[in-house]
């Protein structure tokens, strides 16, 4: 006797086939109309550029002024490092700067003093030149009178000695002038050295001041605080992370396309994004990156079927003005789909036309 036919199993198979057919039919009708070879579609997630706010120097975190989820503006102070040791270094550097300035004043006074000594020595030289000229003329007259036996030999000898003394005095005065000029040159070199010391001390003050200013950690853009990596009181090494920010004006979706479609995508092409969480909105974007290397496949491809497995990473960046307009609603990590128009002559289907007004 044959066993009874399992009508219950057959019933469930029919019900399953009907549900599958209904699901496929529903999926088909929910797809945007007009999607053919002129369009490409890829799944992806919304991402954004992340920035780490980190310390320039090793030190202790004194204060963190923002919390996770807060929005920060460009140049806003978001954290402070302990600067007591840096402030002590600045006072020391300022004292060194003042000492260098005092040394410069002393060097300039030395230049003035040596220049006056040089002027006095040069005046003495002129005096000695006049005395030598007078002594020479007296000796010449004495020699002429001696030829006429008017004066004695002793007088001529005395006039000769006076002339030689005047010549020696002139030489001594000229040596004093040379020494005075050397002293002036040395004093001027001390002025240059003192000025260099001032420049070095000033640079040291500016360096310490720059370190103090860098201890005020700032945001360089409009962003949202994603994580507080450190807390007040922690001692960090140079480059230690304090906050992690996410730039909500630099948001993009990363997705993948096969070789046959990726080869037709160019930088700057229009892309339309639809997020799972916001299916009623179509967001405008532009292609900002196309990978130069394939992924998800062996390095050596032998057959056409294997070439179809080649997937290229593509990035579509959302318009920054639109992001700023809705900055409070921007979220990352949301899944969605990116649509690209591969044929410039094709028209976007009604369901894929940009609409951010609803």
Protein backbone atom coordinates (compact mmCIF):
# COMPACT_ATOMS: atom_id res chain seq x y z
CA UNK A 1 0.00 0.00 0.00
CA UNK A 2 1.40 3.42 -1.00
CA UNK A 3 1.99 6.04 1.75
CA UNK A 4 -0.31 9.07 1.66
CA UNK A 5 0.90 12.02 -0.46
CA UNK A 6 2.49 14.71 1.77
CA UNK A 7 0.02 17.46 0.94
CA UNK A 8 1.28 19.57 3.86
CA UNK A 9 4.78 19.76 2.39
CA UNK A 10 3.39 20.62 -1.00
CA UNK A 11 1.29 23.35 0.52
CA UNK A 12 4.29 24.94 2.19
CA UNK A 13 6.31 24.73 -1.03
CA UNK A 14 3.54 26.53 -2.91
CA UNK A 15 3.29 29.18 -0.21
CA UNK A 16 7.10 29.68 -0.26
CA UNK A 17 7.16 29.99 -4.05
CA UNK A 18 4.36 32.52 -3.92
CA UNK A 19 6.15 34.60 -1.29
CA UNK A 20 9.37 34.49 -3.28
CA UNK A 21 7.54 35.57 -6.42
CA UNK A 22 5.83 38.38 -4.52
CA UNK A 23 9.16 39.51 -3.06
CA UNK A 24 10.85 39.54 -6.44
CA UNK A 25 7.91 41.40 -7.95
CA UNK A 26 7.95 43.96 -5.13
CA UNK A 27 11.73 44.42 -5.46
CA UNK A 28 11.34 44.95 -9.19
CA UNK A 29 8.62 47.59 -8.81
CA UNK A 30 10.55 49.40 -6.09
CA UNK A 31 13.63 49.81 -8.28
CA UNK A 32 14.07 53.17 -10.03
CA UNK A 33 12.72 53.05 -13.52
CA UNK A 34 15.02 53.35 -16.49
CA UNK A 35 18.10 51.73 -14.92
CA UNK A 36 19.91 50.05 -17.76
CA UNK A 37 23.47 49.97 -19.03
CA UNK A 38 23.55 53.76 -18.92
CA UNK A 39 23.58 53.68 -15.10
CA UNK A 40 25.61 51.96 -12.41
CA UNK A 41 24.76 51.28 -8.80
CA UNK A 42 26.84 50.36 -5.79
CA UNK A 43 26.25 49.81 -2.09
CA UNK A 44 28.25 51.77 0.44
CA UNK A 45 28.33 53.66 3.72
CA UNK A 46 28.56 57.33 4.55
CA UNK A 47 32.01 58.25 5.84
CA UNK A 48 33.74 61.51 6.75
CA UNK A 49 37.25 62.83 7.24
CA UNK A 50 38.51 62.32 10.79
CA UNK A 51 41.00 64.64 12.52
CA UNK A 52 42.97 63.92 15.68
CA UNK A 53 43.63 66.89 17.97
CA UNK A 54 47.01 66.02 19.47
CA UNK A 55 49.70 67.66 21.57
CA UNK A 56 52.79 69.18 20.02
CA UNK A 57 54.86 68.73 23.18
CA UNK A 58 54.82 66.25 26.01
CA UNK A 59 52.83 67.49 28.97
CA UNK A 60 49.82 67.19 31.25
CA UNK A 61 46.26 67.80 30.06
CA UNK A 62 44.95 70.69 32.12
CA UNK A 63 41.42 71.05 30.74
CA UNK A 64 39.17 69.71 28.00
CA UNK A 65 36.50 72.23 27.00
CA UNK A 66 34.22 70.08 24.81
CA UNK A 67 32.30 66.84 25.13
CA UNK A 68 31.54 64.06 22.70
CA UNK A 69 28.89 65.16 20.22
CA UNK A 70 29.67 68.89 20.53
CA UNK A 71 30.15 70.95 17.39
CA UNK A 72 33.31 73.05 17.22
CA UNK A 73 34.11 76.06 15.05
CA UNK A 74 37.37 76.88 13.25
CA UNK A 75 40.06 78.19 15.65
CA UNK A 76 37.98 77.27 18.71
CA UNK A 77 40.02 76.26 21.77
CA UNK A 78 38.98 72.70 22.63
CA UNK A 79 41.60 71.78 25.25
CA UNK A 80 44.43 73.28 27.30
CA UNK A 81 47.75 71.77 28.32
CA UNK A 82 49.58 72.66 31.54
CA UNK A 83 51.99 75.50 30.64
CA UNK A 84 53.62 76.33 34.00
CA UNK A 85 57.04 75.02 32.99
CA UNK A 86 56.79 76.79 29.64
CA UNK A 87 55.91 80.07 31.32
CA UNK A 88 59.02 79.70 33.52
CA UNK A 89 61.10 79.12 30.38
CA UNK A 90 59.59 82.24 28.85
CA UNK A 91 60.55 84.35 31.88
CA UNK A 92 64.09 82.99 31.68
CA UNK A 93 64.24 83.72 27.96
CA UNK A 94 62.94 87.26 28.51
CA UNK A 95 65.60 87.85 31.19
CA UNK A 96 68.27 86.64 28.76
CA UNK A 97 66.87 88.99 26.15
CA UNK A 98 67.09 91.93 28.54
CA UNK A 99 70.69 91.04 29.43
CA UNK A 100 71.57 90.96 25.75
CA UNK A 101 70.00 94.39 25.28
CA UNK A 102 72.07 95.75 28.17
CA UNK A 103 75.19 94.25 26.60
CA UNK A 104 74.32 96.03 23.36
CA UNK A 105 74.07 99.37 25.12
CA UNK A 106 77.44 98.75 26.79
CA UNK A 107 79.00 97.83 23.46
CA UNK A 108 77.63 100.96 21.82
CA UNK A 109 79.03 103.07 24.68
CA UNK A 110 82.40 101.38 24.15
CA UNK A 111 82.26 102.28 20.45
CA UNK A 112 81.57 105.94 21.29
CA UNK A 113 84.40 106.02 23.85
CA UNK A 114 86.92 104.48 21.47
CA UNK A 115 85.83 106.79 18.67
CA UNK A 116 86.52 109.78 20.95
CA UNK A 117 89.95 108.35 21.76
CA UNK A 118 90.59 107.98 18.05
CA UNK A 119 89.56 111.58 17.43
CA UNK A 120 91.88 112.79 20.20
CA UNK A 121 94.75 110.73 18.80
CA UNK A 122 94.14 112.12 15.31
CA UNK A 123 94.17 115.66 16.71
CA UNK A 124 97.46 114.92 18.46
CA UNK A 125 98.86 113.69 15.14
CA UNK A 126 97.95 117.03 13.52
CA UNK A 127 99.65 118.82 16.39
CA UNK A 128 102.77 116.72 16.09
CA UNK A 129 102.84 117.30 12.33
CA UNK A 130 102.77 121.05 12.93
CA UNK A 131 105.51 120.79 15.54
CA UNK A 132 107.62 118.68 13.19
CA UNK A 133 107.13 121.18 10.38
CA UNK A 134 108.19 124.07 12.64
CA UNK A 135 111.22 122.15 13.94
CA UNK A 136 112.27 121.27 10.38
CA UNK A 137 112.09 124.89 9.26
CA UNK A 138 114.04 126.04 12.32
CA UNK A 139 116.72 123.49 11.61
CA UNK A 140 116.91 124.57 7.98
CA UNK A 141 117.35 128.23 8.99
CA UNK A 142 119.95 127.29 11.57
CA UNK A 143 121.91 125.34 8.99
CA UNK A 144 121.83 128.33 6.61
CA UNK A 145 123.02 130.72 9.35
CA UNK A 146 125.79 128.33 10.29
CA UNK A 147 127.16 128.58 6.75
CA UNK A 148 127.50 132.32 7.32
CA UNK A 149 129.01 131.77 10.76
CA UNK A 150 126.18 133.67 12.39
CA UNK A 151 125.31 130.99 14.95
CA UNK A 152 127.23 128.27 16.70
CA UNK A 153 127.30 124.55 15.98
CA UNK A 154 125.59 123.95 19.31
CA UNK A 155 122.51 125.85 18.19
CA UNK A 156 122.32 123.81 15.02
CA UNK A 157 122.67 120.58 16.97
CA UNK A 158 119.91 121.65 19.32
CA UNK A 159 117.58 122.46 16.39
CA UNK A 160 118.36 119.08 14.79
CA UNK A 161 117.54 117.29 18.05
CA UNK A 162 114.29 119.21 18.35
CA UNK A 163 113.33 118.19 14.81
CA UNK A 164 114.08 114.53 15.47
CA UNK A 165 112.10 114.62 18.69
CA UNK A 166 109.14 116.10 16.84
CA UNK A 167 109.40 113.34 14.21
CA UNK A 168 109.44 110.66 16.93
CA UNK A 169 106.48 112.28 18.66
CA UNK A 170 104.58 112.25 15.37
CA UNK A 171 105.27 108.54 14.89
CA UNK A 172 104.06 107.82 18.40
CA UNK A 173 100.88 109.81 17.80
CA UNK A 174 100.24 107.93 14.54
CA UNK A 175 100.65 104.63 16.40
CA UNK A 176 98.10 105.84 18.94
CA UNK A 177 95.68 106.58 16.10
CA UNK A 178 96.16 103.07 14.69
CA UNK A 179 95.53 101.57 18.12
CA UNK A 180 92.43 103.73 18.57
CA UNK A 181 91.06 102.60 15.20
CA UNK A 182 91.63 98.95 16.18
CA UNK A 183 89.78 99.57 19.43
CA UNK A 184 86.86 101.12 17.53
CA UNK A 185 86.70 98.12 15.20
CA UNK A 186 86.74 95.74 18.18
CA UNK A 187 84.00 97.74 19.91
CA UNK A 188 81.89 97.66 16.76
CA UNK A 189 82.30 93.89 16.50
CA UNK A 190 81.06 93.68 20.09
CA UNK A 191 77.99 95.66 19.02
CA UNK A 192 77.35 93.15 16.21
CA UNK A 193 77.84 90.27 18.63
CA UNK A 194 75.47 91.85 21.14
CA UNK A 195 72.88 92.39 18.39
CA UNK A 196 73.21 88.74 17.38
CA UNK A 197 72.72 87.73 21.00
CA UNK A 198 69.56 89.84 21.10
CA UNK A 199 68.25 88.18 17.93
CA UNK A 200 68.95 84.74 19.41
CA UNK A 201 67.31 85.64 22.71
CA UNK A 202 64.30 87.13 20.88
CA UNK A 203 63.98 83.95 18.81
CA UNK A 204 64.10 81.88 21.99
CA UNK A 205 61.32 83.99 23.53
CA UNK A 206 59.22 83.57 20.38
CA UNK A 207 59.84 79.81 20.39
CA UNK A 208 58.68 79.43 23.97
CA UNK A 209 55.71 81.69 23.29
CA UNK A 210 54.83 79.55 20.28
CA UNK A 211 54.96 76.43 22.47
CA UNK A 212 52.65 78.13 24.97
CA UNK A 213 50.20 79.05 22.21
CA UNK A 214 50.39 75.51 20.81
CA UNK A 215 49.41 74.28 24.26
CA UNK A 216 45.99 75.75 23.54
CA UNK A 217 44.63 72.98 21.35
CA UNK A 218 42.31 74.34 18.65
CA UNK A 219 40.02 72.99 16.00
CA UNK A 220 41.05 74.02 12.49
CA UNK A 221 37.58 73.47 10.92
CA UNK A 222 33.89 73.06 11.50
CA UNK A 223 33.59 69.59 13.00
CA UNK A 224 31.91 67.43 15.61
CA UNK A 225 33.68 65.81 18.56
CA UNK A 226 33.55 62.07 18.07
CA UNK A 227 35.72 60.84 20.97
CA UNK A 228 37.48 62.22 24.01
CA UNK A 229 40.65 60.15 23.81
CA UNK A 230 42.25 61.63 26.94
CA UNK A 231 41.03 63.24 30.15
CA UNK A 232 42.33 66.13 32.30
CA UNK A 233 45.28 65.15 34.46
CA UNK A 234 46.71 62.62 32.03
CA UNK A 235 50.34 63.04 30.99
CA UNK A 236 50.82 62.62 27.25
CA UNK A 237 53.88 62.22 25.09
CA UNK A 238 54.49 64.54 22.15
CA UNK A 239 51.80 63.81 19.60
CA UNK A 240 49.47 62.31 22.21
CA UNK A 241 45.83 62.34 21.06
CA UNK A 242 43.33 64.34 23.09
CA UNK A 243 40.24 64.48 20.86
CA UNK A 244 38.99 62.88 17.68
CA UNK A 245 36.95 65.17 15.43
CA UNK A 246 34.89 64.34 12.39
CA UNK A 247 34.62 66.88 9.57
CA UNK A 248 30.95 66.93 8.62
CA UNK A 249 31.64 69.21 5.65
CA UNK A 250 33.80 66.51 4.03
CA UNK A 251 31.40 63.58 3.78
CA UNK A 252 31.48 60.86 1.14
CA UNK A 253 30.23 57.38 0.31
CA UNK A 254 32.68 54.63 -0.59
CA UNK A 255 31.37 51.85 -2.81
CA UNK A 256 32.64 49.31 -5.35
CA UNK A 257 31.93 48.73 -9.04
CA UNK A 258 33.08 45.97 -11.41
CA UNK A 259 35.60 46.60 -14.14
CA UNK A 260 33.03 47.00 -16.91
CA UNK A 261 31.44 49.93 -15.08
CA UNK A 262 34.39 51.40 -13.17
CA UNK A 263 36.28 51.93 -16.43
CA UNK A 264 33.55 54.37 -17.53
CA UNK A 265 33.67 56.48 -14.35
CA UNK A 266 35.69 59.70 -14.33
CA UNK A 267 36.60 62.13 -11.58
CA UNK A 268 34.00 64.87 -11.26
CA UNK A 269 31.12 62.77 -12.61
CA UNK A 270 27.72 63.32 -11.01
CA UNK A 271 26.49 60.75 -8.52
CA UNK A 272 23.18 60.52 -6.69
CA UNK A 273 23.00 58.94 -3.25
CA UNK A 274 20.02 57.40 -1.47
CA UNK A 275 20.43 56.44 2.19
CA UNK A 276 18.51 53.59 3.77
CA UNK A 277 17.53 55.87 6.65
CA UNK A 278 16.30 58.62 4.28
CA UNK A 279 14.83 56.83 1.26
CA UNK A 280 12.76 59.86 0.23
CA UNK A 281 15.82 62.05 -0.36
CA UNK A 282 18.22 61.92 -3.30
CA UNK A 283 21.52 63.59 -2.40
CA UNK A 284 23.84 65.15 -4.99
CA UNK A 285 27.49 64.12 -5.02
CA UNK A 286 30.52 64.02 -7.30
CA UNK A 287 33.09 61.32 -7.90
CA UNK A 288 36.24 62.37 -6.05
CA UNK A 289 38.27 59.15 -6.16
CA UNK A 290 38.60 56.09 -8.38
CA UNK A 291 41.04 53.42 -7.24
CA UNK A 292 43.86 52.60 -9.62
CA UNK A 293 44.02 49.00 -8.36
CA UNK A 294 41.34 46.32 -8.27
CA UNK A 295 40.31 44.50 -5.13
CA UNK A 296 38.59 41.20 -4.19
CA UNK A 297 40.36 39.23 -6.91
CA UNK A 298 43.68 37.43 -7.54
CA UNK A 299 46.51 39.51 -8.97
CA UNK A 300 46.63 37.38 -12.16
CA UNK A 301 43.36 37.15 -14.10
CA UNK A 302 43.16 34.61 -16.90
CA UNK A 303 39.52 34.41 -18.02
CA UNK A 304 36.76 36.88 -18.81
CA UNK A 305 34.60 35.53 -15.99
CA UNK A 306 37.39 36.21 -13.53
CA UNK A 307 37.84 39.72 -14.90
CA UNK A 308 34.21 40.38 -14.02
CA UNK A 309 35.14 39.75 -10.39
CA UNK A 310 37.45 42.77 -10.43
CA UNK A 311 36.01 45.47 -8.15
CA UNK A 312 37.30 49.03 -7.98
CA UNK A 313 36.85 51.29 -4.98
CA UNK A 314 35.09 54.57 -5.81
CA UNK A 315 34.29 57.55 -3.63
CA UNK A 316 31.42 60.02 -4.16
CA UNK A 317 31.71 63.25 -2.16
CA UNK A 318 28.57 65.10 -1.08
CA UNK A 319 28.32 68.82 -1.84
CA UNK A 320 29.86 70.77 1.07
CA UNK A 321 27.35 73.64 0.87
CA UNK A 322 24.49 71.19 1.29
CA UNK A 323 26.26 69.62 4.25
CA UNK A 324 26.73 72.99 5.95
CA UNK A 325 23.07 73.77 5.44
CA UNK A 326 22.04 70.57 7.24
CA UNK A 327 25.10 70.18 9.48
CA UNK A 328 23.07 69.16 12.54
CA UNK A 329 21.45 66.27 10.70
CA UNK A 330 24.61 64.85 9.11
CA UNK A 331 25.42 61.33 10.30
CA UNK A 332 28.16 58.92 9.34
CA UNK A 333 28.04 55.16 9.08
CA UNK A 334 24.65 55.17 7.36
CA UNK A 335 24.33 52.55 4.59
CA UNK A 336 22.89 53.42 1.23
CA UNK A 337 23.28 53.22 -2.51
CA UNK A 338 25.19 55.33 -5.00
CA UNK A 339 23.92 55.75 -8.55
CA UNK A 340 26.12 56.90 -11.42
CA UNK A 341 25.21 57.91 -14.95
CA UNK A 342 27.61 56.16 -17.29
CA UNK A 343 26.06 57.57 -20.46
CA UNK A 344 26.20 61.41 -20.56
CA UNK A 345 23.23 61.47 -22.95
CA UNK A 346 20.97 59.52 -20.60
CA UNK A 347 18.40 61.26 -18.42
CA UNK A 348 18.10 60.56 -14.73
CA UNK A 349 14.91 58.61 -13.91
CA UNK A 350 12.33 60.49 -11.91
CA UNK A 351 13.05 58.44 -8.79
CA UNK A 352 16.77 59.32 -8.95
CA UNK A 353 16.57 63.03 -9.55
CA UNK A 354 18.09 65.20 -6.84
CA UNK A 355 15.55 66.08 -4.19
CA UNK A 356 16.59 67.39 -0.79
CA UNK A 357 13.57 69.62 -0.18
CA UNK A 358 11.15 67.15 1.35
